[in-house]
Amino acid sequence: MEKLKRKQYEELLEPLEEELVAMARWARTTGARICVIFEGRDTAGKGGAIRAVGGRLNPRQCRTAALSKPSEDEQTQWYFQRYVKHLPHAGEIVLFDRSWYNRAGVEKVMGFADDAQVEAFLKQAPLFEKQLVDDGILLFKYWLTTDQENQEERLKERLEDPLKRWKLSPIDLAARGKYDAYTAAREAMLQATHNEWAPWTLVDFNDQKRGRLTLVRDLLNRLPDTHIDPPPLEFPELGRAPQRESYSVLEPIADYPVDIED
C-alpha cells in the first residue's frame, strides 16, 4: 500500500482535528476524564500519534505524561504509584507516551525487572485499570505496530539526522538484538491485559501518517456524542484606529534575515 503524502495527510487530518477540538470542549463541559495510552516498539510513531491527537488542543487541558526511569524513592513505592498522580482530573485529557506497561516490555526484556515482578504486574494491571474505569475514567490503550524493516530504517534515520539524534539511546540500539524477545513479551502482555473493560487496540503504523488518521478516527468513534456548540461570542468594534506597538525603554531585536522571493 502506497504511503500517504504529507499534503493529503494534512487535508485528511484537518476535519479530525475539528472533531478533537469539539471532543475537548465536551470533556471540559461534562467533566469527563480521558486517558489514552500509547505503546509500541521503538520508532513505532508514538510521539507523532500524540501530536496528532493533542496538537490542536489547549495544553492546559490536554497534557502528555512521559515519565523517565524511576527515582530511588519511586523504586521503593508500589509500582503504579508514580503513574497515579498523572491521571486526568475532571475535564482533562492525558496522553501517556509509554506507561505502566514499561514493566511488561522494556523492563522485562532488558532485565530491569525480574520474573516475579513482571508476573505480579500482569496480574495487577487489569485490576488497577478496572478501578480506573469503575471510577469513571475513559481509558483507551493503543499498541502501534511496525515491522522490523521499517524500524531499522527509522533507527538509521535517527542516527544520521541531527534533528532526531536525541531520540536514539544506547538502550534502543541494544534492543535491536532482542526483537523476538520483545515480541514474546508483547504477546504475554496482550494476553494478560486485554479485557472487556480495558481492551487493547492495535493500529498499523508502518505508514505513520495513515496510522495517525486511523488511531484518531478510532478514538473519536469510541467516545459518546461529543457535540456541544461553543458558547456565543461577539466581536465588537474596536472604537478607534488600530495602534502600532511603541516602546519607551527597549526596541525589538533585528529581524531574522530572509530574502523574499517573488
Protein backbone atom coordinates (compact mmCIF):
# COMPACT_ATOMS: atom_id res chain seq x y z
CA MET A 1 0.00 0.00 0.00
CA GLU A 2 1.41 3.37 -1.02
CA LYS A 3 2.24 5.70 1.85
CA LEU A 4 0.28 8.91 2.25
CA LYS A 5 1.86 12.15 1.06
CA ARG A 6 2.08 14.98 3.57
CA LYS A 7 -0.38 17.24 1.73
CA GLN A 8 -3.04 14.54 1.55
CA TYR A 9 -2.42 13.61 5.18
CA GLU A 10 -2.87 17.20 6.35
CA GLU A 11 -6.09 17.54 4.34
CA LEU A 12 -7.48 14.37 5.90
CA LEU A 13 -6.33 15.29 9.40
CA GLU A 14 -7.95 18.74 9.49
CA PRO A 15 -11.59 17.59 9.87
CA LEU A 16 -10.47 15.11 12.53
CA GLU A 17 -8.76 17.94 14.39
CA GLU A 18 -12.03 19.85 14.37
CA GLU A 19 -13.71 16.83 15.97
CA LEU A 20 -10.91 16.60 18.54
CA VAL A 21 -11.43 20.26 19.48
CA ALA A 22 -15.15 19.54 19.88
CA MET A 23 -14.29 16.49 21.99
CA ALA A 24 -12.13 18.62 24.27
CA ARG A 25 -14.96 21.14 24.66
CA TRP A 26 -17.29 18.25 25.56
CA ALA A 27 -14.81 16.94 28.14
CA ARG A 28 -14.46 20.39 29.69
CA THR A 29 -18.23 20.87 29.82
CA THR A 30 -19.13 17.44 31.18
CA GLY A 31 -16.09 16.88 33.40
CA ALA A 32 -15.12 13.73 31.53
CA ARG A 33 -11.68 12.28 32.32
CA ILE A 34 -9.91 10.83 29.30
CA CYS A 35 -6.73 8.75 29.50
CA VAL A 36 -5.05 7.45 26.34
CA ILE A 37 -2.07 5.08 26.45
CA PHE A 38 0.34 4.91 23.51
CA GLU A 39 2.60 1.86 23.43
CA GLY A 40 4.69 0.18 20.75
CA ARG A 41 8.20 -0.67 19.70
CA ASP A 42 10.89 1.98 19.43
CA THR A 43 10.26 4.21 16.37
CA ALA A 44 6.66 3.00 16.02
CA GLY A 45 5.45 6.60 15.97
CA LYS A 46 4.08 7.27 19.45
CA GLY A 47 5.22 10.89 19.51
CA GLY A 48 3.63 11.69 16.16
CA ALA A 49 0.39 10.00 17.18
CA ILE A 50 0.29 12.03 20.38
CA ARG A 51 0.82 15.24 18.42
CA ALA A 52 -1.98 14.23 16.04
CA VAL A 53 -4.37 13.86 18.99
CA GLY A 54 -3.29 16.80 21.12
CA GLY A 55 -1.58 19.21 18.76
CA ARG A 56 -4.62 21.49 18.32
CA LEU A 57 -5.87 21.24 21.90
CA ASN A 58 -5.36 23.59 24.82
CA PRO A 59 -2.18 22.37 26.58
CA ARG A 60 -3.73 23.36 29.91
CA GLN A 61 -6.42 20.76 29.28
CA CYS A 62 -4.60 18.13 27.23
CA ARG A 63 -1.18 17.12 28.50
CA THR A 64 1.36 14.42 27.79
CA ALA A 65 2.76 12.19 30.52
CA ALA A 66 6.19 10.83 29.56
CA LEU A 67 7.91 9.54 32.67
CA SER A 68 11.65 8.96 32.88
CA LYS A 69 13.14 6.00 34.72
CA PRO A 70 12.00 5.77 38.36
CA SER A 71 13.99 7.57 41.03
CA GLU A 72 15.43 5.75 44.03
CA ASP A 73 12.39 6.75 46.09
CA GLU A 74 9.98 5.64 43.35
CA GLN A 75 11.69 2.27 43.17
CA THR A 76 10.59 1.65 46.77
CA GLN A 77 6.94 2.53 46.04
CA TRP A 78 4.02 0.46 44.80
CA TYR A 79 4.78 0.13 41.10
CA PHE A 80 1.69 2.03 39.89
CA GLN A 81 2.08 4.84 42.43
CA ARG A 82 4.12 7.23 40.31
CA TYR A 83 1.61 6.96 37.47
CA VAL A 84 -1.44 7.69 39.62
CA LYS A 85 -0.56 11.36 40.11
CA HIS A 86 -0.58 11.84 36.33
CA LEU A 87 -4.12 10.54 35.82
CA PRO A 88 -6.67 13.08 34.50
CA HIS A 89 -8.87 15.21 36.67
CA ALA A 90 -12.33 16.42 35.61
CA GLY A 91 -12.34 17.82 32.08
CA GLU A 92 -8.75 16.79 31.38
CA ILE A 93 -7.17 14.62 28.68
CA VAL A 94 -3.90 12.83 29.46
CA LEU A 95 -1.83 11.14 26.76
CA PHE A 96 0.67 8.61 28.11
CA ASP A 97 3.81 8.36 25.97
CA ARG A 98 4.56 4.87 27.27
CA SER A 99 3.01 3.98 30.58
CA TRP A 100 2.93 1.44 33.38
CA TYR A 101 3.33 -1.16 30.63
CA ASN A 102 7.07 -0.47 30.66
CA ARG A 103 7.25 -3.25 33.23
CA ALA A 104 5.93 -5.84 30.79
CA GLY A 105 8.10 -4.58 27.92
CA VAL A 106 11.45 -2.87 28.22
CA GLU A 107 11.90 -3.67 31.93
CA LYS A 108 11.28 -7.37 31.32
CA VAL A 109 13.34 -7.70 28.14
CA MET A 110 16.29 -5.57 29.28
CA GLY A 111 16.44 -7.15 32.73
CA PHE A 112 15.30 -4.14 34.77
CA ALA A 113 12.54 -6.25 36.39
CA ASP A 114 12.73 -9.88 37.46
CA ASP A 115 10.23 -12.59 36.57
CA ALA A 116 8.34 -12.26 39.85
CA GLN A 117 7.88 -8.51 39.36
CA VAL A 118 6.64 -8.97 35.80
CA GLU A 119 4.25 -11.76 36.84
CA ALA A 120 2.86 -9.58 39.63
CA PHE A 121 2.39 -6.70 37.21
CA LEU A 122 0.47 -8.80 34.70
CA LYS A 123 -1.90 -9.85 37.47
CA GLN A 124 -2.28 -6.39 38.98
CA ALA A 125 -2.60 -4.27 35.81
CA PRO A 126 -6.13 -5.47 34.90
CA LEU A 127 -7.27 -4.88 38.49
CA PHE A 128 -5.70 -1.42 38.56
CA GLU A 129 -7.34 -0.48 35.27
CA LYS A 130 -10.70 -1.88 36.42
CA GLN A 131 -10.58 0.56 39.33
CA LEU A 132 -9.85 3.45 36.96
CA VAL A 133 -12.71 2.54 34.64
CA ASP A 134 -15.13 1.87 37.51
CA ASP A 135 -14.33 5.33 38.85
CA GLY A 136 -15.38 6.86 35.53
CA ILE A 137 -12.08 7.38 33.68
CA LEU A 138 -12.38 6.79 29.94
CA LEU A 139 -9.33 4.60 29.30
CA PHE A 140 -8.01 3.80 25.82
CA LYS A 141 -4.96 1.61 25.16
CA TYR A 142 -3.25 1.66 21.76
CA TRP A 143 -0.41 -0.53 20.55
CA LEU A 144 1.29 0.89 17.46
CA THR A 145 2.63 -1.90 15.25
CA THR A 146 5.57 -1.64 12.86
CA ASP A 147 7.63 -4.24 11.01
CA GLN A 148 11.32 -4.70 11.76
CA GLU A 149 12.35 -3.44 8.31
CA ASN A 150 10.65 -0.10 8.96
CA GLN A 151 12.05 0.02 12.47
CA GLU A 152 15.58 -0.42 11.13
CA GLU A 153 15.11 2.38 8.60
CA ARG A 154 13.80 4.73 11.27
CA LEU A 155 16.63 3.90 13.68
CA LYS A 156 19.18 4.66 10.95
CA GLU A 157 17.41 7.93 10.23
CA ARG A 158 17.64 8.90 13.89
CA LEU A 159 21.34 8.15 13.88
CA GLU A 160 22.02 10.21 10.75
CA ASP A 161 19.59 13.12 11.25
CA PRO A 162 20.93 15.68 13.77
CA LEU A 163 17.36 16.83 14.47
CA LYS A 164 16.36 13.30 15.51
CA ARG A 165 19.61 12.10 17.08
CA TRP A 166 18.30 12.85 20.59
CA LYS A 167 15.67 10.13 20.11
CA LEU A 168 18.32 7.40 19.89
CA SER A 169 19.77 5.92 23.09
CA PRO A 170 22.17 3.05 23.84
CA ILE A 171 19.19 1.05 25.11
CA ASP A 172 17.46 1.50 21.74
CA LEU A 173 20.49 0.04 19.98
CA ALA A 174 20.81 -2.81 22.47
CA ALA A 175 17.13 -3.63 21.98
CA ARG A 176 17.69 -4.25 18.24
CA GLY A 177 19.09 -7.68 19.03
CA LYS A 178 16.09 -8.56 21.19
CA TYR A 179 13.32 -8.18 18.61
CA ASP A 180 11.98 -11.68 19.21
CA ALA A 181 12.12 -11.24 22.99
CA TYR A 182 10.07 -8.04 22.67
CA THR A 183 7.57 -9.92 20.51
CA ALA A 184 7.19 -12.63 23.15
CA ALA A 185 6.84 -10.03 25.92
CA ARG A 186 4.20 -8.13 23.95
CA GLU A 187 2.16 -11.26 23.32
CA ALA A 188 2.25 -12.22 27.00
CA MET A 189 1.22 -8.68 27.93
CA LEU A 190 -1.68 -8.59 25.49
CA GLN A 191 -2.93 -11.98 26.60
CA ALA A 192 -2.90 -10.95 30.26
CA THR A 193 -4.23 -7.39 29.97
CA HIS A 194 -6.66 -7.33 27.03
CA ASN A 195 -10.14 -7.47 28.55
CA GLU A 196 -13.64 -6.08 28.20
CA TRP A 197 -13.17 -3.08 30.50
CA ALA A 198 -9.76 -2.01 29.15
CA PRO A 199 -9.18 -3.60 25.74
CA TRP A 200 -6.11 -3.07 23.60
CA THR A 201 -6.43 -1.66 20.09
CA LEU A 202 -3.67 -2.48 17.59
CA VAL A 203 -3.02 0.10 14.86
CA ASP A 204 -0.76 -0.46 11.85
CA PHE A 205 1.94 2.24 11.90
CA ASN A 206 4.11 1.01 9.05
CA ASP A 207 2.74 4.12 7.34
CA GLN A 208 2.80 6.54 10.25
CA LYS A 209 0.58 9.18 8.64
CA ARG A 210 -2.10 6.63 7.81
CA GLY A 211 -1.71 5.15 11.28
CA ARG A 212 -2.32 8.51 12.95
CA LEU A 213 -5.52 9.02 10.98
CA THR A 214 -6.69 5.50 11.85
CA LEU A 215 -5.98 5.98 15.56
CA VAL A 216 -7.65 9.39 15.81
CA ARG A 217 -10.73 8.18 13.95
CA ASP A 218 -10.99 5.13 16.22
CA LEU A 219 -10.61 7.23 19.37
CA LEU A 220 -13.34 9.63 18.29
CA ASN A 221 -15.64 6.77 17.28
CA ARG A 222 -15.36 5.17 20.71
CA LEU A 223 -16.36 8.29 22.61
CA PRO A 224 -20.02 9.21 23.19
CA ASP A 225 -21.66 12.00 21.23
CA THR A 226 -19.35 14.90 21.96
CA HIS A 227 -21.16 17.63 20.01
CA ILE A 228 -21.58 20.72 22.15
CA ASP A 229 -21.90 24.09 20.45
CA PRO A 230 -19.31 26.64 21.59
CA PRO A 231 -20.71 29.49 23.69
CA PRO A 232 -21.74 32.51 21.60
CA LEU A 233 -19.23 35.34 21.50
CA GLU A 234 -19.50 38.79 19.98
CA PHE A 235 -16.62 40.66 18.38
CA PRO A 236 -17.44 44.34 19.00
CA GLU A 237 -15.96 47.22 17.05
CA LEU A 238 -12.61 48.40 18.41
CA GLY A 239 -13.80 52.01 18.55
CA ARG A 240 -10.58 53.54 17.24
CA ALA A 241 -7.88 53.02 14.64
CA PRO A 242 -5.53 50.09 15.43
CA GLN A 243 -2.33 51.27 17.10
CA ARG A 244 1.27 50.35 16.34
CA GLU A 245 3.37 48.94 19.16
CA SER A 246 5.64 51.54 20.76
CA TYR A 247 8.36 51.18 23.39
CA SER A 248 9.94 53.67 25.76
CA VAL A 249 12.81 51.55 27.11
CA LEU A 250 13.74 48.83 24.61
CA GLU A 251 13.32 48.05 20.93
CA PRO A 252 12.80 44.64 19.29
CA ILE A 253 15.95 42.90 18.12
CA ALA A 254 16.76 42.84 14.40
CA ASP A 255 14.61 40.56 12.24
CA TYR A 256 15.97 37.26 11.02
CA PRO A 257 17.48 37.90 7.55
CA VAL A 258 15.31 36.39 4.83
CA ASP A 259 15.34 37.06 1.10
CA ILE A 260 11.73 37.18 -0.08
CA GLU A 261 11.36 35.52 -3.45
CA ASP A 262 8.95 36.98 -5.99
